[in-house]
Amino acid sequence: MESGPMERDCVVIGIHGLANKPPADEKTRWWKAAVSEGLARNQGLAEPAFRFEFVYWADLRYDAPLSEDGNREPYRPYDGTGPLPGGDAAPVLTANAVLAPIYAGIDAVEEATGLTLVDDVILEHRFDDLWHYHAERDFARRVRARLSERLRAFRSHRILLVAHSMGSVIAYDVLRMLEREDPALRIDHLVTAASPLGLAKVKLKFEGEHGPLRVPNNVAAWTNLADGDDVVAIMGSLGPDYAASERGVGVADQRVVNGYRRPDGTPNPHKSYGYLRTPEFSGIAARFVADRPEAVLPAGEGEGPAAQKRPPARQEDAERNAGMTALAQTDGPAATLPQFGRGKARS
């Protein structure tokens, strides 16, 4: 696709999620490498050129970044070549298929009563960064400032904002805040991945600060990506909870397959690097590279090489199915959390 003489420059801006991170420069390189790998494999862009900016806030919560020895989940390129499996290759039985109906009932009660006892326990003990974000105003203010300042710095660009995990909470808060403070600023595409925006506690906090839940008016498109085994994104779809913006923009929910595995071979379907390499995200990111080629849509949404060449579900999908069959016989959400590691959720 040729760019016109008045075409604005593009930028991809990422913001990370929960837990401590490697040093900022390393984390930035790894996010960009994951995006580039996905563009190469899923879109055929061997050396994609795009400007990437990263909003790093872990230093506001942790005294020192993760060391190389302390990082159990580094970025590593996938083996093999060619397009990666898309959401059409996802297993039918997943953690969220089992847990979402249970949580939906809890969610309805918590929203109706304003008492979020279940969410409070989950957030305080498993996702304590998000707990502190809600409880400590100065921390929240400083985190939000980092993202809002970066968005304002690139206001003349076409912006793809990629928010992972807790980063999606920060992004939503900032975008609703900028509606009021800087209404001329526009985001061309917001992508949320592994998002906890479906949790009752999070939704009630948003409503208390911003009013009714809806797509921010400064967003031209919002795509939400969720792996069916990522229990942080337990509800999967956000569209039912977030109404369209005043401009008629709604949430486009897309199921994906996050194939990330730790060096020891264990999966983490919540990991950012896996989401950044999905065909669904690559199709969006391709519209923001230097030459802005027409993106190949995921299978089922259009024609093109990815729709024709994407391989069937990989061996780990079968492993997940077996694991989820066992999971269905457990006592509830707490039994699923160890798949993110023995400590806090890692993103």
Protein backbone atom coordinates (compact mmCIF):
# COMPACT_ATOMS: atom_id res chain seq x y z
CA MET A 1 0.00 0.00 0.00
CA GLU A 2 1.54 3.29 -1.09
CA SER A 3 1.62 6.14 1.41
CA GLY A 4 0.36 9.55 0.33
CA PRO A 5 2.42 12.73 0.60
CA MET A 6 0.66 13.71 3.83
CA GLU A 7 0.85 10.25 5.42
CA ARG A 8 1.93 10.48 9.05
CA ASP A 9 4.85 8.53 10.45
CA CYS A 10 3.97 5.44 12.46
CA VAL A 11 5.02 4.28 15.91
CA VAL A 12 4.34 1.16 17.93
CA ILE A 13 4.20 1.92 21.66
CA GLY A 14 4.21 -0.95 24.13
CA ILE A 15 3.54 -1.06 27.86
CA HIS A 16 4.34 -4.13 29.95
CA GLY A 17 2.33 -5.93 32.59
CA LEU A 18 2.66 -7.49 36.01
CA ALA A 19 5.76 -8.38 38.00
CA ASN A 20 9.40 -7.36 37.92
CA LYS A 21 11.19 -7.22 34.57
CA PRO A 22 14.68 -7.41 33.08
CA PRO A 23 16.46 -4.06 32.58
CA ALA A 24 14.50 -1.59 30.47
CA ASP A 25 16.82 -1.69 27.45
CA GLU A 26 16.76 -5.48 27.36
CA LYS A 27 12.99 -5.70 27.78
CA THR A 28 12.56 -3.13 25.00
CA ARG A 29 14.78 -5.13 22.62
CA TRP A 30 12.92 -8.35 23.40
CA TRP A 31 9.48 -6.87 22.78
CA LYS A 32 10.61 -5.44 19.45
CA ALA A 33 12.29 -8.73 18.54
CA ALA A 34 9.08 -10.64 19.27
CA VAL A 35 7.04 -8.25 17.12
CA SER A 36 9.61 -8.52 14.32
CA GLU A 37 9.64 -12.32 14.50
CA GLY A 38 5.86 -12.41 14.18
CA LEU A 39 5.93 -10.03 11.22
CA ALA A 40 8.56 -12.15 9.51
CA ARG A 41 6.80 -15.47 10.05
CA ASN A 42 3.18 -14.44 9.68
CA GLN A 43 3.42 -11.55 7.21
CA GLY A 44 6.54 -12.44 5.23
CA LEU A 45 8.36 -9.24 6.23
CA ALA A 46 11.94 -10.44 6.56
CA GLU A 47 13.34 -7.18 7.94
CA PRO A 48 10.37 -5.10 9.10
CA ALA A 49 11.23 -1.46 9.75
CA PHE A 50 9.12 0.26 12.37
CA ARG A 51 9.64 2.71 15.19
CA PHE A 52 9.16 1.09 18.59
CA GLU A 53 8.82 2.85 21.93
CA PHE A 54 8.48 1.07 25.26
CA VAL A 55 6.87 2.33 28.47
CA TYR A 56 8.74 0.66 31.32
CA TRP A 57 7.43 1.10 34.86
CA ALA A 58 8.76 -1.90 36.84
CA ASP A 59 11.42 0.35 38.40
CA LEU A 60 8.62 2.21 40.21
CA ARG A 61 7.79 -0.98 42.12
CA TYR A 62 11.06 -2.91 42.37
CA ASP A 63 14.47 -1.89 43.69
CA ALA A 64 16.40 -3.68 40.94
CA PRO A 65 15.49 -5.36 37.64
CA LEU A 66 15.56 -9.11 37.15
CA SER A 67 19.05 -10.47 36.65
CA GLU A 68 19.83 -12.89 33.85
CA ASP A 69 19.98 -15.73 36.36
CA GLY A 70 16.71 -14.67 37.97
CA ASN A 71 14.74 -14.46 34.73
CA ARG A 72 12.92 -17.74 34.11
CA GLU A 73 11.09 -16.43 31.06
CA PRO A 74 13.42 -14.76 28.55
CA TYR A 75 12.59 -14.08 24.93
CA ARG A 76 13.77 -16.82 22.60
CA PRO A 77 12.82 -17.18 18.91
CA TYR A 78 10.54 -20.09 18.09
CA ASP A 79 11.92 -23.06 16.22
CA GLY A 80 10.91 -23.63 12.62
CA THR A 81 9.71 -21.31 9.88
CA GLY A 82 6.46 -20.15 8.36
CA PRO A 83 3.23 -18.80 9.85
CA LEU A 84 2.37 -19.64 13.44
CA PRO A 85 -0.98 -21.14 14.51
CA GLY A 86 -3.81 -18.67 14.84
CA GLY A 87 -6.92 -18.69 16.94
CA ASP A 88 -8.64 -21.04 14.52
CA ALA A 89 -6.15 -23.71 15.69
CA ALA A 90 -6.89 -23.21 19.40
CA PRO A 91 -8.08 -26.23 21.42
CA VAL A 92 -11.76 -26.38 22.31
CA LEU A 93 -11.23 -27.29 25.97
CA THR A 94 -9.25 -24.59 27.80
CA ALA A 95 -8.87 -23.28 31.33
CA ASN A 96 -11.18 -20.38 30.63
CA ALA A 97 -13.82 -22.59 29.03
CA VAL A 98 -14.06 -24.31 32.42
CA LEU A 99 -13.61 -21.29 34.68
CA ALA A 100 -15.34 -18.44 32.83
CA PRO A 101 -18.90 -19.62 33.58
CA ILE A 102 -18.01 -19.91 37.27
CA TYR A 103 -16.41 -16.49 37.39
CA ALA A 104 -19.29 -14.94 35.43
CA GLY A 105 -21.58 -15.74 38.34
CA ILE A 106 -19.11 -14.29 40.84
CA ASP A 107 -18.64 -11.23 38.63
CA ALA A 108 -22.37 -10.54 38.49
CA VAL A 109 -22.70 -10.69 42.28
CA GLU A 110 -19.60 -8.51 42.85
CA GLU A 111 -20.74 -5.86 40.39
CA ALA A 112 -24.26 -5.83 41.79
CA THR A 113 -23.16 -5.52 45.42
CA GLY A 114 -19.87 -3.64 45.03
CA LEU A 115 -18.28 -6.27 47.30
CA THR A 116 -15.32 -7.76 45.45
CA LEU A 117 -14.07 -10.23 48.03
CA VAL A 118 -12.97 -12.87 45.52
CA ASP A 119 -11.18 -10.36 43.29
CA ASP A 120 -9.54 -8.74 46.32
CA VAL A 121 -7.97 -12.05 47.34
CA ILE A 122 -6.82 -12.81 43.80
CA LEU A 123 -5.33 -9.36 43.24
CA GLU A 124 -3.63 -9.00 46.61
CA HIS A 125 -2.01 -12.41 46.68
CA ARG A 126 -1.40 -13.22 42.99
CA PHE A 127 -1.33 -9.88 41.16
CA ASP A 128 -0.05 -7.54 43.84
CA ASP A 129 1.25 -4.93 41.37
CA LEU A 130 -2.35 -4.33 40.30
CA TRP A 131 -3.44 -4.31 43.93
CA HIS A 132 -0.90 -1.58 44.71
CA TYR A 133 -1.87 0.34 41.58
CA HIS A 134 -5.42 0.57 42.89
CA ALA A 135 -4.40 1.21 46.50
CA GLU A 136 -1.48 3.65 46.13
CA ARG A 137 -2.40 6.90 44.38
CA ASP A 138 1.16 8.16 43.99
CA PHE A 139 2.28 4.92 42.32
CA ALA A 140 -0.70 5.02 39.95
CA ARG A 141 -0.06 8.69 39.15
CA ARG A 142 3.60 8.07 38.29
CA VAL A 143 2.84 5.03 36.13
CA ARG A 144 0.11 6.85 34.24
CA ALA A 145 2.39 9.83 33.68
CA ARG A 146 4.95 7.68 31.89
CA LEU A 147 2.40 6.44 29.37
CA SER A 148 0.59 9.75 28.87
CA GLU A 149 3.88 11.58 28.31
CA ARG A 150 4.95 9.05 25.68
CA LEU A 151 1.62 9.25 23.86
CA ARG A 152 1.75 13.04 23.84
CA ALA A 153 5.32 12.98 22.53
CA PHE A 154 4.12 11.03 19.45
CA ARG A 155 0.79 12.77 18.94
CA SER A 156 1.73 13.64 15.34
CA HIS A 157 2.25 9.94 14.53
CA ARG A 158 -0.11 7.10 13.71
CA ILE A 159 0.00 5.23 17.02
CA LEU A 160 -0.39 1.51 17.62
CA LEU A 161 -0.63 1.13 21.40
CA VAL A 162 0.03 -2.40 22.66
CA ALA A 163 -0.89 -2.99 26.30
CA HIS A 164 -0.17 -6.33 27.94
CA SER A 165 -1.78 -7.63 31.14
CA MET A 166 -1.79 -4.90 33.81
CA GLY A 167 -0.55 -2.53 31.12
CA SER A 168 -4.06 -2.66 29.66
CA VAL A 169 -5.48 -1.33 32.94
CA ILE A 170 -3.00 1.54 32.87
CA ALA A 171 -3.73 2.20 29.20
CA TYR A 172 -7.50 2.34 29.73
CA ASP A 173 -7.13 4.74 32.64
CA VAL A 174 -4.78 6.99 30.68
CA LEU A 175 -6.93 7.02 27.54
CA ARG A 176 -10.07 7.94 29.46
CA MET A 177 -8.06 10.61 31.31
CA LEU A 178 -6.71 12.04 28.03
CA GLU A 179 -10.24 12.28 26.68
CA ARG A 180 -10.77 15.02 29.23
CA GLU A 181 -7.31 16.58 29.40
CA ASP A 182 -6.14 16.35 25.77
CA PRO A 183 -9.14 15.59 23.55
CA ALA A 184 -7.26 16.23 20.29
CA LEU A 185 -4.87 13.30 20.86
CA ARG A 186 -5.79 10.18 18.86
CA ILE A 187 -4.74 6.51 19.02
CA ASP A 188 -5.10 4.72 15.68
CA HIS A 189 -5.25 1.23 17.18
CA LEU A 190 -5.30 -0.06 20.75
CA VAL A 191 -4.39 -3.71 21.25
CA THR A 192 -4.94 -5.26 24.67
CA ALA A 193 -3.46 -8.71 25.31
CA ALA A 194 -3.87 -10.99 28.34
CA SER A 195 -6.08 -8.30 29.81
CA PRO A 196 -7.73 -8.40 33.26
CA LEU A 197 -10.25 -5.73 32.18
CA GLY A 198 -13.02 -8.29 32.63
CA LEU A 199 -12.48 -8.58 36.40
CA ALA A 200 -15.27 -7.05 38.49
CA LYS A 201 -12.82 -5.17 40.71
CA VAL A 202 -11.17 -3.53 37.72
CA LYS A 203 -14.48 -2.61 36.12
CA LEU A 204 -15.83 -1.07 39.31
CA LYS A 205 -12.65 1.01 39.68
CA PHE A 206 -13.02 2.26 36.12
CA GLU A 207 -16.69 3.14 36.63
CA GLY A 208 -15.90 5.01 39.83
CA GLU A 209 -13.27 7.17 38.10
CA HIS A 210 -14.47 7.44 34.50
CA GLY A 211 -18.18 6.67 34.47
CA PRO A 212 -19.90 3.96 32.38
CA LEU A 213 -17.63 1.41 30.71
CA ARG A 214 -17.07 2.08 27.03
CA VAL A 215 -14.39 2.29 24.38
CA PRO A 216 -12.37 5.51 24.82
CA ASN A 217 -13.44 8.19 22.33
CA ASN A 218 -9.81 8.85 21.32
CA VAL A 219 -9.35 5.31 19.97
CA ALA A 220 -10.06 4.55 16.30
CA ALA A 221 -9.91 0.76 16.81
CA TRP A 222 -9.60 -1.62 19.77
CA THR A 223 -8.62 -5.27 19.40
CA ASN A 224 -8.49 -7.53 22.44
CA LEU A 225 -6.38 -10.72 22.23
CA ALA A 226 -6.87 -13.61 24.65
CA ASP A 227 -5.48 -17.15 24.84
CA GLY A 228 -8.03 -19.61 26.19
CA ASP A 229 -5.60 -20.91 28.81
CA ASP A 230 -4.61 -17.46 30.09
CA VAL A 231 -6.64 -17.16 33.30
CA VAL A 232 -5.67 -13.50 33.78
CA ALA A 233 -7.94 -12.91 30.78
CA ILE A 234 -10.51 -15.23 32.31
CA MET A 235 -13.57 -13.73 30.62
CA GLY A 236 -11.86 -13.74 27.21
CA SER A 237 -14.19 -11.27 25.53
CA LEU A 238 -14.42 -7.64 26.62
CA GLY A 239 -17.04 -6.54 24.09
CA PRO A 240 -20.01 -7.47 26.30
CA ASP A 241 -18.70 -5.25 29.12
CA TYR A 242 -17.41 -2.22 27.19
CA ALA A 243 -19.94 -0.34 25.11
CA ALA A 244 -19.02 1.32 21.83
CA SER A 245 -17.50 4.79 21.95
CA GLU A 246 -19.44 7.89 20.97
CA ARG A 247 -17.87 7.41 17.52
CA GLY A 248 -19.29 3.89 17.26
CA VAL A 249 -16.01 2.04 17.82
CA GLY A 250 -16.46 -1.29 19.60
CA VAL A 251 -14.09 -3.91 21.00
CA ALA A 252 -13.02 -6.58 18.51
CA ASP A 253 -12.31 -9.72 20.58
CA GLN A 254 -9.99 -12.28 19.02
CA ARG A 255 -8.94 -15.64 20.38
CA VAL A 256 -5.27 -16.47 19.86
CA VAL A 257 -2.79 -19.26 20.53
CA ASN A 258 0.07 -18.11 22.75
CA GLY A 259 2.78 -20.68 22.15
CA TYR A 260 5.37 -19.29 24.57
CA ARG A 261 7.39 -21.85 26.51
CA ARG A 262 10.01 -21.30 29.17
CA PRO A 263 13.53 -22.68 28.61
CA ASP A 264 12.54 -25.75 30.65
CA GLY A 265 9.69 -26.44 28.21
CA THR A 266 6.74 -25.50 30.43
CA PRO A 267 4.13 -23.23 28.80
CA ASN A 268 3.06 -19.77 29.92
CA PRO A 269 0.00 -18.74 27.90
CA HIS A 270 0.10 -15.31 29.60
CA LYS A 271 3.55 -14.31 28.36
CA SER A 272 3.85 -11.11 26.34
CA TYR A 273 6.33 -12.50 23.80
CA GLY A 274 3.85 -15.18 22.80
CA TYR A 275 1.05 -12.68 22.22
CA LEU A 276 3.32 -10.41 20.17
CA ARG A 277 4.05 -13.27 17.75
CA THR A 278 0.47 -14.36 17.08
CA PRO A 279 -0.80 -14.02 13.50
CA GLU A 280 -3.65 -11.87 14.79
CA PHE A 281 -1.29 -9.28 16.25
CA SER A 282 1.09 -9.46 13.27
CA GLY A 283 -1.79 -8.62 10.93
CA ILE A 284 -2.40 -5.42 12.90
CA ALA A 285 1.27 -4.49 13.35
CA ALA A 286 1.98 -4.89 9.62
CA ARG A 287 -0.08 -1.78 8.96
CA PHE A 288 2.40 0.24 11.06
CA VAL A 289 5.71 -0.81 9.48
CA ALA A 290 7.66 1.59 7.27
CA ASP A 291 6.20 0.56 3.90
CA ARG A 292 2.74 -0.22 5.41
CA PRO A 293 1.89 -3.28 3.29
CA GLU A 294 -1.62 -4.66 3.25
CA ALA A 295 -1.83 -6.95 6.25
CA VAL A 296 -2.69 -10.60 5.86
CA LEU A 297 -5.84 -11.23 7.85
CA PRO A 298 -6.09 -14.28 10.12
CA ALA A 299 -7.75 -17.37 8.67
CA GLY A 300 -11.49 -16.98 8.54
CA GLU A 301 -11.25 -13.20 8.09
CA GLY A 302 -9.86 -12.99 4.59
CA GLU A 303 -7.70 -14.58 1.95
CA GLY A 304 -3.94 -14.63 1.76
CA PRO A 305 -0.83 -16.68 2.53
CA ALA A 306 -1.49 -16.92 6.25
CA ALA A 307 -4.98 -18.27 5.67
CA GLN A 308 -3.65 -20.86 3.24
CA LYS A 309 -0.37 -21.86 4.91
CA ARG A 310 -1.02 -21.74 8.64
CA PRO A 311 -0.15 -25.13 10.18
CA PRO A 312 -2.57 -27.13 12.30
CA ALA A 313 -2.50 -26.98 16.07
CA ARG A 314 0.86 -28.02 17.48
CA GLN A 315 1.65 -30.81 19.88
CA GLU A 316 1.37 -28.49 22.86
CA ASP A 317 -2.32 -27.95 22.03
CA ALA A 318 -2.92 -31.64 22.59
CA GLU A 319 -0.96 -31.39 25.83
CA ARG A 320 -3.12 -28.47 26.90
CA ASN A 321 -6.29 -30.44 26.15
CA ALA A 322 -5.09 -33.27 28.34
CA GLY A 323 -4.17 -30.85 31.10
CA MET A 324 -7.52 -29.10 30.92
CA THR A 325 -9.37 -32.41 31.19
CA ALA A 326 -7.61 -32.95 34.48
CA LEU A 327 -8.23 -29.32 35.44
CA ALA A 328 -11.98 -29.78 35.05
CA GLN A 329 -11.83 -32.24 37.94
CA THR A 330 -10.20 -29.76 40.36
CA ASP A 331 -11.85 -27.45 42.84
CA GLY A 332 -11.80 -24.13 40.98
CA PRO A 333 -9.72 -21.12 39.92
CA ALA A 334 -6.98 -21.51 42.53
CA ALA A 335 -5.99 -24.83 40.99
CA THR A 336 -5.20 -23.16 37.66
CA LEU A 337 -2.93 -20.41 38.92
CA PRO A 338 0.30 -22.44 39.24
CA GLN A 339 0.56 -22.60 35.44
CA PHE A 340 1.98 -19.04 35.75
CA GLY A 341 4.70 -20.16 38.10
CA ARG A 342 4.84 -20.83 41.82
CA GLY A 343 4.94 -17.16 42.72
CA LYS A 344 3.14 -14.15 41.29
CA ALA A 345 1.74 -14.02 37.80
CA ARG A 346 4.56 -13.37 35.33
CA SER A 347 4.11 -11.48 32.11
